[in-house]
Amino acid sequence: MAELTHQQYERLERAVVDRRRIAVYRRGTEYVVIPRRLHLIDGRERIEAVHPTTGDSIIIYLDEIDSLQVIG
């Protein structure tokens, strides 16, 4: 994915603060998760999230996603 626009990044940051779900598409798979934290590791930014139903932790690197949408 190309870099997020300023507006997309603002929405993602607000979703982290508000604990709002996001839909992330990566390699043809949709992940609907609740983002907990944006974090930079070794120069790569990632979303640390949890699955809203199972509570499983999910790590999604921003440079690997095809698209991202804040839900609700």
PDB file of N, CA and C in Angstrom:
ATOM      1  N   MET A   1       0.847  -1.181   0.000  1.00  0.00           N
ATOM      2  CA  MET A   1       0.000   0.000   0.000  1.00  0.00           C
ATOM      3  C   MET A   1       0.889   1.239   0.000  1.00  0.00           C
ATOM      4  N   ALA A   2       0.442   2.236  -0.702  1.00  0.00           N
ATOM      5  CA  ALA A   2       1.125   3.519  -0.624  1.00  0.00           C
ATOM      6  C   ALA A   2       0.937   4.069   0.788  1.00  0.00           C
ATOM      7  N   GLU A   3       1.719   5.040   1.136  1.00  0.00           N
ATOM      8  CA  GLU A   3       1.596   5.618   2.463  1.00  0.00           C
ATOM      9  C   GLU A   3       0.185   6.150   2.685  1.00  0.00           C
ATOM     10  N   LEU A   4      -0.239   6.112   3.937  1.00  0.00           N
ATOM     11  CA  LEU A   4      -1.546   6.660   4.276  1.00  0.00           C
ATOM     12  C   LEU A   4      -1.530   8.166   4.085  1.00  0.00           C
ATOM     13  N   THR A   5      -2.659   8.701   3.661  1.00  0.00           N
ATOM     14  CA  THR A   5      -2.772  10.155   3.598  1.00  0.00           C
ATOM     15  C   THR A   5      -2.853  10.687   5.023  1.00  0.00           C
ATOM     16  N   HIS A   6      -2.674  11.977   5.145  1.00  0.00           N
ATOM     17  CA  HIS A   6      -2.769  12.604   6.466  1.00  0.00           C
ATOM     18  C   HIS A   6      -4.136  12.325   7.085  1.00  0.00           C
ATOM     19  N   GLN A   7      -5.190  12.437   6.294  1.00  0.00           N
ATOM     20  CA  GLN A   7      -6.546  12.212   6.788  1.00  0.00           C
ATOM     21  C   GLN A   7      -6.750  10.749   7.218  1.00  0.00           C
ATOM     22  N   GLN A   8      -6.252   9.802   6.441  1.00  0.00           N
ATOM     23  CA  GLN A   8      -6.369   8.388   6.801  1.00  0.00           C
ATOM     24  C   GLN A   8      -5.617   8.087   8.096  1.00  0.00           C
ATOM     25  N   TYR A   9      -4.442   8.683   8.228  1.00  0.00           N
ATOM     26  CA  TYR A   9      -3.641   8.452   9.425  1.00  0.00           C
ATOM     27  C   TYR A   9      -4.335   9.043  10.649  1.00  0.00           C
ATOM     28  N   GLU A  10      -4.929  10.227  10.497  1.00  0.00           N
ATOM     29  CA  GLU A  10      -5.688  10.849  11.593  1.00  0.00           C
ATOM     30  C   GLU A  10      -6.850   9.956  12.015  1.00  0.00           C
ATOM     31  N   ARG A  11      -7.551   9.393  11.039  1.00  0.00           N
ATOM     32  CA  ARG A  11      -8.671   8.490  11.355  1.00  0.00           C
ATOM     33  C   ARG A  11      -8.188   7.246  12.096  1.00  0.00           C
ATOM     34  N   LEU A  12      -7.063   6.705  11.667  1.00  0.00           N
ATOM     35  CA  LEU A  12      -6.503   5.532  12.331  1.00  0.00           C
ATOM     36  C   LEU A  12      -6.104   5.864  13.760  1.00  0.00           C
ATOM     37  N   GLU A  13      -5.430   6.988  13.958  1.00  0.00           N
ATOM     38  CA  GLU A  13      -5.057   7.391  15.317  1.00  0.00           C
ATOM     39  C   GLU A  13      -6.286   7.585  16.195  1.00  0.00           C
ATOM     40  N   ARG A  14      -7.342   8.186  15.650  1.00  0.00           N
ATOM     41  CA  ARG A  14      -8.582   8.397  16.413  1.00  0.00           C
ATOM     42  C   ARG A  14      -9.230   7.051  16.738  1.00  0.00           C
ATOM     43  N   ALA A  15      -9.159   6.086  15.827  1.00  0.00           N
ATOM     44  CA  ALA A  15      -9.711   4.749  16.088  1.00  0.00           C
ATOM     45  C   ALA A  15      -8.971   4.080  17.240  1.00  0.00           C
ATOM     46  N   VAL A  16      -7.654   4.290  17.327  1.00  0.00           N
ATOM     47  CA  VAL A  16      -6.876   3.728  18.436  1.00  0.00           C
ATOM     48  C   VAL A  16      -7.343   4.338  19.751  1.00  0.00           C
ATOM     49  N   VAL A  17      -7.470   5.647  19.788  1.00  0.00           N
ATOM     50  CA  VAL A  17      -7.880   6.347  21.015  1.00  0.00           C
ATOM     51  C   VAL A  17      -9.293   5.938  21.433  1.00  0.00           C
ATOM     52  N   ASP A  18     -10.207   5.872  20.462  1.00  0.00           N
ATOM     53  CA  ASP A  18     -11.616   5.582  20.746  1.00  0.00           C
ATOM     54  C   ASP A  18     -11.941   4.091  20.795  1.00  0.00           C
ATOM     55  N   ARG A  19     -10.927   3.241  20.495  1.00  0.00           N
ATOM     56  CA  ARG A  19     -11.148   1.777  20.460  1.00  0.00           C
ATOM     57  C   ARG A  19     -12.239   1.404  19.464  1.00  0.00           C
ATOM     58  N   ARG A  20     -12.203   2.056  18.296  1.00  0.00           N
ATOM     59  CA  ARG A  20     -13.175   1.772  17.239  1.00  0.00           C
ATOM     60  C   ARG A  20     -12.600   0.755  16.269  1.00  0.00           C
ATOM     61  N   ARG A  21     -13.460  -0.096  15.768  1.00  0.00           N
ATOM     62  CA  ARG A  21     -13.024  -1.151  14.858  1.00  0.00           C
ATOM     63  C   ARG A  21     -12.507  -0.578  13.539  1.00  0.00           C
ATOM     64  N   ILE A  22     -11.569  -1.314  12.969  1.00  0.00           N
ATOM     65  CA  ILE A  22     -11.074  -0.995  11.633  1.00  0.00           C
ATOM     66  C   ILE A  22     -11.145  -2.268  10.788  1.00  0.00           C
ATOM     67  N   ALA A  23     -11.290  -2.074   9.491  1.00  0.00           N
ATOM     68  CA  ALA A  23     -11.226  -3.183   8.534  1.00  0.00           C
ATOM     69  C   ALA A  23      -9.937  -2.997   7.745  1.00  0.00           C
ATOM     70  N   VAL A  24      -9.102  -4.016   7.776  1.00  0.00           N
ATOM     71  CA  VAL A  24      -7.825  -3.988   7.075  1.00  0.00           C
ATOM     72  C   VAL A  24      -7.825  -5.115   6.055  1.00  0.00           C
ATOM     73  N   TYR A  25      -7.450  -4.783   4.828  1.00  0.00           N
ATOM     74  CA  TYR A  25      -7.314  -5.784   3.774  1.00  0.00           C
ATOM     75  C   TYR A  25      -5.836  -6.006   3.529  1.00  0.00           C
ATOM     76  N   ARG A  26      -5.439  -7.275   3.625  1.00  0.00           N
ATOM     77  CA  ARG A  26      -4.040  -7.641   3.403  1.00  0.00           C
ATOM     78  C   ARG A  26      -4.001  -8.973   2.670  1.00  0.00           C
ATOM     79  N   ARG A  27      -3.355  -8.970   1.528  1.00  0.00           N
ATOM     80  CA  ARG A  27      -3.205 -10.189   0.709  1.00  0.00           C
ATOM     81  C   ARG A  27      -4.546 -10.885   0.449  1.00  0.00           C
ATOM     82  N   GLY A  28      -5.577 -10.107   0.174  1.00  0.00           N
ATOM     83  CA  GLY A  28      -6.881 -10.657  -0.167  1.00  0.00           C
ATOM     84  C   GLY A  28      -7.745 -11.082   1.004  1.00  0.00           C
ATOM     85  N   THR A  29      -7.296 -10.848   2.215  1.00  0.00           N
ATOM     86  CA  THR A  29      -8.056 -11.233   3.403  1.00  0.00           C
ATOM     87  C   THR A  29      -8.456  -9.982   4.170  1.00  0.00           C
ATOM     88  N   GLU A  30      -9.692  -9.953   4.625  1.00  0.00           N
ATOM     89  CA  GLU A  30     -10.168  -8.838   5.440  1.00  0.00           C
ATOM     90  C   GLU A  30     -10.022  -9.188   6.913  1.00  0.00           C
ATOM     91  N   TYR A  31      -9.477  -8.275   7.681  1.00  0.00           N
ATOM     92  CA  TYR A  31      -9.364  -8.413   9.122  1.00  0.00           C
ATOM     93  C   TYR A  31     -10.143  -7.261   9.753  1.00  0.00           C
ATOM     94  N   VAL A  32     -11.118  -7.585  10.574  1.00  0.00           N
ATOM     95  CA  VAL A  32     -11.829  -6.562  11.330  1.00  0.00           C
ATOM     96  C   VAL A  32     -11.329  -6.684  12.761  1.00  0.00           C
ATOM     97  N   VAL A  33     -10.665  -5.634  13.223  1.00  0.00           N
ATOM     98  CA  VAL A  33      -9.983  -5.678  14.511  1.00  0.00           C
ATOM     99  C   VAL A  33     -10.197  -4.372  15.263  1.00  0.00           C
ATOM    100  N   ILE A  34      -9.850  -4.396  16.536  1.00  0.00           N
ATOM    101  CA  ILE A  34      -9.847  -3.191  17.365  1.00  0.00           C
ATOM    102  C   ILE A  34      -8.391  -2.808  17.600  1.00  0.00           C
ATOM    103  N   PRO A  35      -7.961  -1.683  17.042  1.00  0.00           N
ATOM    104  CA  PRO A  35      -6.556  -1.280  17.210  1.00  0.00           C
ATOM    105  C   PRO A  35      -6.303  -0.822  18.640  1.00  0.00           C
ATOM    106  N   ARG A  36      -5.198  -1.265  19.210  1.00  0.00           N
ATOM    107  CA  ARG A  36      -4.821  -0.881  20.571  1.00  0.00           C
ATOM    108  C   ARG A  36      -3.659   0.097  20.587  1.00  0.00           C
ATOM    109  N   ARG A  37      -2.801   0.010  19.546  1.00  0.00           N
ATOM    110  CA  ARG A  37      -1.588   0.818  19.571  1.00  0.00           C
ATOM    111  C   ARG A  37      -0.974   0.880  18.175  1.00  0.00           C
ATOM    112  N   LEU A  38      -0.441   2.032  17.839  1.00  0.00           N
ATOM    113  CA  LEU A  38       0.435   2.168  16.672  1.00  0.00           C
ATOM    114  C   LEU A  38       1.848   2.169  17.220  1.00  0.00           C
ATOM    115  N   HIS A  39       2.718   1.415  16.596  1.00  0.00           N
ATOM    116  CA  HIS A  39       4.044   1.221  17.170  1.00  0.00           C
ATOM    117  C   HIS A  39       5.070   1.115  16.052  1.00  0.00           C
ATOM    118  N   LEU A  40       6.238   1.686  16.260  1.00  0.00           N
ATOM    119  CA  LEU A  40       7.321   1.620  15.289  1.00  0.00           C
ATOM    120  C   LEU A  40       8.376   0.638  15.778  1.00  0.00           C
ATOM    121  N   ILE A  41       8.626  -0.405  14.985  1.00  0.00           N
ATOM    122  CA  ILE A  41       9.618  -1.428  15.319  1.00  0.00           C
ATOM    123  C   ILE A  41      10.581  -1.558  14.136  1.00  0.00           C
ATOM    124  N   ASP A  42      11.850  -1.355  14.381  1.00  0.00           N
ATOM    125  CA  ASP A  42      12.879  -1.491  13.344  1.00  0.00           C
ATOM    126  C   ASP A  42      12.519  -0.736  12.063  1.00  0.00           C
ATOM    127  N   GLY A  43      11.978   0.467  12.217  1.00  0.00           N
ATOM    128  CA  GLY A  43      11.652   1.299  11.072  1.00  0.00           C
ATOM    129  C   GLY A  43      10.353   0.953  10.372  1.00  0.00           C
ATOM    130  N   ARG A  44       9.606   0.006  10.901  1.00  0.00           N
ATOM    131  CA  ARG A  44       8.321  -0.381  10.298  1.00  0.00           C
ATOM    132  C   ARG A  44       7.202  -0.078  11.289  1.00  0.00           C
ATOM    133  N   GLU A  45       6.179   0.616  10.796  1.00  0.00           N
ATOM    134  CA  GLU A  45       5.058   0.945  11.662  1.00  0.00           C
ATOM    135  C   GLU A  45       4.031  -0.172  11.614  1.00  0.00           C
ATOM    136  N   ARG A  46       3.498  -0.477  12.785  1.00  0.00           N
ATOM    137  CA  ARG A  46       2.529  -1.569  12.853  1.00  0.00           C
ATOM    138  C   ARG A  46       1.360  -1.194  13.745  1.00  0.00           C
ATOM    139  N   ILE A  47       0.260  -1.887  13.511  1.00  0.00           N
ATOM    140  CA  ILE A  47      -0.928  -1.762  14.334  1.00  0.00           C
ATOM    141  C   ILE A  47      -0.970  -2.985  15.228  1.00  0.00           C
ATOM    142  N   GLU A  48      -1.008  -2.756  16.523  1.00  0.00           N
ATOM    143  CA  GLU A  48      -1.221  -3.846  17.476  1.00  0.00           C
ATOM    144  C   GLU A  48      -2.702  -3.830  17.791  1.00  0.00           C
ATOM    145  N   ALA A  49      -3.376  -4.936  17.507  1.00  0.00           N
ATOM    146  CA  ALA A  49      -4.828  -4.976  17.593  1.00  0.00           C
ATOM    147  C   ALA A  49      -5.294  -6.274  18.235  1.00  0.00           C
ATOM    148  N   VAL A  50      -6.587  -6.323  18.520  1.00  0.00           N
ATOM    149  CA  VAL A  50      -7.214  -7.547  19.014  1.00  0.00           C
ATOM    150  C   VAL A  50      -8.449  -7.840  18.186  1.00  0.00           C
ATOM    151  N   HIS A  51      -8.738  -9.118  18.044  1.00  0.00           N
ATOM    152  CA  HIS A  51      -9.954  -9.546  17.359  1.00  0.00           C
ATOM    153  C   HIS A  51     -11.125  -9.257  18.303  1.00  0.00           C
ATOM    154  N   PRO A  52     -12.188  -8.588  17.842  1.00  0.00           N
ATOM    155  CA  PRO A  52     -13.265  -8.187  18.739  1.00  0.00           C
ATOM    156  C   PRO A  52     -14.049  -9.344  19.361  1.00  0.00           C
ATOM    157  N   THR A  53     -14.049 -10.505  18.734  1.00  0.00           N
ATOM    158  CA  THR A  53     -14.815 -11.634  19.256  1.00  0.00           C
ATOM    159  C   THR A  53     -13.973 -12.574  20.102  1.00  0.00           C
ATOM    160  N   THR A  54     -12.790 -12.915  19.604  1.00  0.00           N
ATOM    161  CA  THR A  54     -11.966 -13.909  20.299  1.00  0.00           C
ATOM    162  C   THR A  54     -10.974 -13.303  21.281  1.00  0.00           C
ATOM    163  N   GLY A  55     -10.633 -12.021  21.087  1.00  0.00           N
ATOM    164  CA  GLY A  55      -9.633 -11.391  21.933  1.00  0.00           C
ATOM    165  C   GLY A  55      -8.207 -11.734  21.545  1.00  0.00           C
ATOM    166  N   ASP A  56      -8.021 -12.471  20.442  1.00  0.00           N
ATOM    167  CA  ASP A  56      -6.681 -12.821  19.975  1.00  0.00           C
ATOM    168  C   ASP A  56      -5.926 -11.571  19.535  1.00  0.00           C
ATOM    169  N   SER A  57      -4.638 -11.515  19.840  1.00  0.00           N
ATOM    170  CA  SER A  57      -3.784 -10.408  19.412  1.00  0.00           C
ATOM    171  C   SER A  57      -3.408 -10.575  17.951  1.00  0.00           C
ATOM    172  N   ILE A  58      -3.377  -9.451  17.235  1.00  0.00           N
ATOM    173  CA  ILE A  58      -3.025  -9.450  15.827  1.00  0.00           C
ATOM    174  C   ILE A  58      -2.068  -8.280  15.586  1.00  0.00           C
ATOM    175  N   ILE A  59      -0.995  -8.535  14.879  1.00  0.00           N
ATOM    176  CA  ILE A  59      -0.038  -7.496  14.487  1.00  0.00           C
ATOM    177  C   ILE A  59      -0.155  -7.311  12.982  1.00  0.00           C
ATOM    178  N   ILE A  60      -0.382  -6.080  12.561  1.00  0.00           N
ATOM    179  CA  ILE A  60      -0.521  -5.777  11.143  1.00  0.00           C
ATOM    180  C   ILE A  60       0.447  -4.643  10.806  1.00  0.00           C
ATOM    181  N   TYR A  61       1.368  -4.909   9.882  1.00  0.00           N
ATOM    182  CA  TYR A  61       2.320  -3.893   9.457  1.00  0.00           C
ATOM    183  C   TYR A  61       1.686  -3.022   8.386  1.00  0.00           C
ATOM    184  N   LEU A  62       1.799  -1.706   8.545  1.00  0.00           N
ATOM    185  CA  LEU A  62       1.175  -0.784   7.602  1.00  0.00           C
ATOM    186  C   LEU A  62       1.695  -0.960   6.182  1.00  0.00           C
ATOM    187  N   ASP A  63       2.962  -1.326   6.033  1.00  0.00           N
ATOM    188  CA  ASP A  63       3.506  -1.465   4.683  1.00  0.00           C
ATOM    189  C   ASP A  63       3.062  -2.746   3.978  1.00  0.00           C
ATOM    190  N   GLU A  64       2.278  -3.585   4.656  1.00  0.00           N
ATOM    191  CA  GLU A  64       1.781  -4.828   4.061  1.00  0.00           C
ATOM    192  C   GLU A  64       0.297  -4.780   3.709  1.00  0.00           C
ATOM    193  N   ILE A  65      -0.391  -3.709   4.101  1.00  0.00           N
ATOM    194  CA  ILE A  65      -1.834  -3.692   3.877  1.00  0.00           C
ATOM    195  C   ILE A  65      -2.178  -3.133   2.504  1.00  0.00           C
ATOM    196  N   ASP A  66      -3.314  -3.598   1.973  1.00  0.00           N
ATOM    197  CA  ASP A  66      -3.807  -3.118   0.695  1.00  0.00           C
ATOM    198  C   ASP A  66      -4.748  -1.928   0.887  1.00  0.00           C
ATOM    199  N   SER A  67      -5.561  -1.973   1.957  1.00  0.00           N
ATOM    200  CA  SER A  67      -6.438  -0.847   2.269  1.00  0.00           C
ATOM    201  C   SER A  67      -6.839  -0.924   3.739  1.00  0.00           C
ATOM    202  N   LEU A  68      -7.309   0.201   4.220  1.00  0.00           N
ATOM    203  CA  LEU A  68      -7.704   0.322   5.620  1.00  0.00           C
ATOM    204  C   LEU A  68      -8.913   1.228   5.715  1.00  0.00           C
ATOM    205  N   GLN A  69      -9.886   0.835   6.530  1.00  0.00           N
ATOM    206  CA  GLN A  69     -11.087   1.643   6.705  1.00  0.00           C
ATOM    207  C   GLN A  69     -11.497   1.610   8.169  1.00  0.00           C
ATOM    208  N   VAL A  70     -11.800   2.779   8.721  1.00  0.00           N
ATOM    209  CA  VAL A  70     -12.323   2.852  10.087  1.00  0.00           C
ATOM    210  C   VAL A  70     -13.821   2.604   9.997  1.00  0.00           C
ATOM    211  N   ILE A  71     -14.334   1.733  10.869  1.00  0.00           N
ATOM    212  CA  ILE A  71     -15.755   1.371  10.859  1.00  0.00           C
ATOM    213  C   ILE A  71     -16.474   2.140  11.966  1.00  0.00           C
ATOM    214  N   GLY A  72     -17.569   2.739  11.596  1.00  0.00           N
ATOM    215  CA  GLY A  72     -18.413   3.437  12.574  1.00  0.00           C
ATOM    216  C   GLY A  72     -17.819   4.665  13.068  1.00  0.00           C
TER     217      GLY A  72
END
